[in-house]
C-alpha atoms as a PDB file:
ATOM      1  CA  MET A   1      97.721  88.763 106.135  1.00  0.00           C
ATOM      2  CA  ARG A   2      99.159  92.097 104.837  1.00  0.00           C
ATOM      3  CA  LEU A   3      99.247  94.118 101.837  1.00  0.00           C
ATOM      4  CA  SER A   4     102.360  94.776  99.634  1.00  0.00           C
ATOM      5  CA  TYR A   5     102.688  96.749  96.519  1.00  0.00           C
ATOM      6  CA  HIS A   6     104.631  96.444  93.278  1.00  0.00           C
ATOM      7  CA  PRO A   7     107.107  99.530  93.202  1.00  0.00           C
ATOM      8  CA  ARG A   8     105.251 101.133  90.296  1.00  0.00           C
ATOM      9  CA  VAL A   9     101.813 101.263  92.073  1.00  0.00           C
ATOM     10  CA  GLN A  10     102.884 104.424  93.925  1.00  0.00           C
ATOM     11  CA  ARG A  11     103.411 105.904  90.462  1.00  0.00           C
ATOM     12  CA  ASP A  12     100.066 104.715  89.307  1.00  0.00           C
ATOM     13  CA  VAL A  13      98.337 106.377  92.226  1.00  0.00           C
ATOM     14  CA  ASN A  14     100.364 109.589  91.870  1.00  0.00           C
ATOM     15  CA  GLU A  15      99.362 109.852  88.246  1.00  0.00           C
ATOM     16  CA  ILE A  16      95.723 109.242  89.007  1.00  0.00           C
ATOM     17  CA  LEU A  17      95.796 111.892  91.775  1.00  0.00           C
ATOM     18  CA  ASP A  18      97.512 114.386  89.520  1.00  0.00           C
ATOM     19  CA  HIS A  19      94.861 113.810  86.848  1.00  0.00           C
ATOM     20  CA  TYR A  20      91.907 114.503  89.223  1.00  0.00           C
ATOM     21  CA  ARG A  21      93.764 117.535  90.759  1.00  0.00           C
ATOM     22  CA  GLU A  22      94.051 118.960  87.206  1.00  0.00           C
ATOM     23  CA  VAL A  23      90.499 118.316  86.015  1.00  0.00           C
ATOM     24  CA  SER A  24      88.599 118.980  89.175  1.00  0.00           C
ATOM     25  CA  GLY A  25      90.691 120.011  92.095  1.00  0.00           C
ATOM     26  CA  GLU A  26      91.928 118.573  95.422  1.00  0.00           C
ATOM     27  CA  SER A  27      88.474 117.393  96.499  1.00  0.00           C
ATOM     28  CA  LEU A  28      88.019 114.918  93.786  1.00  0.00           C
ATOM     29  CA  ALA A  29      91.505 113.601  94.305  1.00  0.00           C
ATOM     30  CA  SER A  30      90.785 113.134  97.973  1.00  0.00           C
ATOM     31  CA  ARG A  31      87.621 111.377  97.183  1.00  0.00           C
ATOM     32  CA  PHE A  32      89.551 108.976  94.954  1.00  0.00           C
ATOM     33  CA  PHE A  33      92.259 108.363  97.512  1.00  0.00           C
ATOM     34  CA  GLU A  34      89.553 107.671 100.275  1.00  0.00           C
ATOM     35  CA  ASP A  35      87.794 105.262  97.874  1.00  0.00           C
ATOM     36  CA  LEU A  36      91.004 103.535  97.071  1.00  0.00           C
ATOM     37  CA  GLN A  37      91.893 103.109 100.817  1.00  0.00           C
ATOM     38  CA  SER A  38      88.461 101.663 101.461  1.00  0.00           C
ATOM     39  CA  CYS A  39      88.766  99.183  98.652  1.00  0.00           C
ATOM     40  CA  LEU A  40      92.197  98.092  99.795  1.00  0.00           C
ATOM     41  CA  LYS A  41      90.858  97.400 103.263  1.00  0.00           C
ATOM     42  CA  GLU A  42      87.963  95.370 101.814  1.00  0.00           C
ATOM     43  CA  LEU A  43      90.375  93.527  99.535  1.00  0.00           C
ATOM     44  CA  LEU A  44      92.610  92.586 102.526  1.00  0.00           C
ATOM     45  CA  ARG A  45      89.498  91.268 104.457  1.00  0.00           C
ATOM     46  CA  GLN A  46      88.324  89.132 101.560  1.00  0.00           C
ATOM     47  CA  PRO A  47      90.978  88.598  98.920  1.00  0.00           C
ATOM     48  CA  THR A  48      89.346  85.514  97.447  1.00  0.00           C
ATOM     49  CA  ALA A  49      86.023  87.329  96.921  1.00  0.00           C
ATOM     50  CA  PHE A  50      86.988  88.896  93.665  1.00  0.00           C
ATOM     51  CA  PRO A  51      87.187  87.258  90.256  1.00  0.00           C
ATOM     52  CA  PHE A  52      90.403  86.231  88.370  1.00  0.00           C
ATOM     53  CA  TYR A  53      91.417  88.678  85.751  1.00  0.00           C
ATOM     54  CA  LEU A  54      91.736  87.676  82.078  1.00  0.00           C
ATOM     55  CA  SER A  55      91.626  83.992  82.928  1.00  0.00           C
ATOM     56  CA  HIS A  56      95.058  84.512  84.482  1.00  0.00           C
ATOM     57  CA  PRO A  57      96.079  81.824  87.013  1.00  0.00           C
ATOM     58  CA  TRP A  58      97.216  84.332  89.610  1.00  0.00           C
ATOM     59  CA  ALA A  59      95.719  87.721  88.856  1.00  0.00           C
ATOM     60  CA  ARG A  60      92.489  88.926  90.425  1.00  0.00           C
ATOM     61  CA  ARG A  61      90.795  92.217  90.012  1.00  0.00           C
ATOM     62  CA  MET A  62      88.643  94.413  92.128  1.00  0.00           C
ATOM     63  CA  LYS A  63      86.673  97.280  90.576  1.00  0.00           C
ATOM     64  CA  MET A  64      86.710 100.427  92.624  1.00  0.00           C
ATOM     65  CA  ARG A  65      83.229 101.518  93.798  1.00  0.00           C
ATOM     66  CA  ASP A  66      83.058 105.147  92.828  1.00  0.00           C
ATOM     67  CA  PHE A  67      85.869 105.524  90.193  1.00  0.00           C
ATOM     68  CA  PRO A  68      86.543 103.672  86.819  1.00  0.00           C
ATOM     69  CA  TYR A  69      89.675 101.911  88.091  1.00  0.00           C
ATOM     70  CA  LEU A  70      90.814  98.292  88.633  1.00  0.00           C
ATOM     71  CA  ILE A  71      92.951  97.103  91.331  1.00  0.00           C
ATOM     72  CA  VAL A  72      94.808  94.034  90.013  1.00  0.00           C
ATOM     73  CA  TYR A  73      96.521  91.780  92.631  1.00  0.00           C
ATOM     74  CA  ARG A  74      97.787  88.368  93.500  1.00  0.00           C
ATOM     75  CA  ILE A  75      97.290  86.385  96.742  1.00  0.00           C
ATOM     76  CA  LEU A  76     100.747  85.052  98.090  1.00  0.00           C
ATOM     77  CA  PRO A  77     101.140  82.758 100.995  1.00  0.00           C
ATOM     78  CA  ASP A  78     101.821  85.575 103.417  1.00  0.00           C
ATOM     79  CA  ARG A  79     100.282  88.642 101.840  1.00  0.00           C
ATOM     80  CA  VAL A  80      98.185  90.218  99.168  1.00  0.00           C
ATOM     81  CA  ARG A  81     100.328  92.060  96.470  1.00  0.00           C
ATOM     82  CA  VAL A  82      98.794  94.899  94.508  1.00  0.00           C
ATOM     83  CA  ASN A  83     100.526  94.793  91.063  1.00  0.00           C
ATOM     84  CA  VAL A  84      98.666  97.590  89.203  1.00  0.00           C
ATOM     85  CA  ILE A  85      95.831 100.199  89.642  1.00  0.00           C
ATOM     86  CA  LYS A  86      94.634 101.185  86.278  1.00  0.00           C
ATOM     87  CA  HIS A  87      91.812 102.784  84.456  1.00  0.00           C
ATOM     88  CA  GLU A  88      89.154 100.347  83.127  1.00  0.00           C
ATOM     89  CA  LYS A  89      89.702 101.610  79.559  1.00  0.00           C
ATOM     90  CA  ARG A  90      93.405 100.962  79.553  1.00  0.00           C
ATOM     91  CA  HIS A  91      94.591  97.968  77.523  1.00  0.00           C
ATOM     92  CA  PRO A  92      93.645  94.746  79.554  1.00  0.00           C
ATOM     93  CA  ARG A  93      97.386  93.617  79.636  1.00  0.00           C
ATOM     94  CA  TYR A  94      98.677  96.926  80.928  1.00  0.00           C
ATOM     95  CA  GLY A  95     100.655  96.298  84.083  1.00  0.00           C
ATOM     96  CA  MET A  96     100.406  92.392  83.720  1.00  0.00           C
ATOM     97  CA  GLY A  97     104.178  92.055  83.270  1.00  0.00           C
ATOM     98  CA  ARG A  98     104.789  93.258  86.742  1.00  0.00           C
ATOM     99  CA  ALA A  99     106.049  90.467  88.835  1.00  0.00           C
END
């Protein structure tokens, strides 16, 4: 199994990194990115271990360990597709229209 990403996920990550660089510098942005990478590896190892999101039939969510962000993804036959990475306080439906 492999990971794939909706094209807008890169923008999600860039915006988060830019925010952390602005408020606290490169070290916090680096910590976020390391936590994200660690979470994605875990998600790929155990994609069914995380709950469905908003009772959606395909969307699952993983909460990041050290940061208030959710990774919303779907399990496809040949891969795990990350659809959005968003702050926990964003509207629950933010990014859910991404196919």
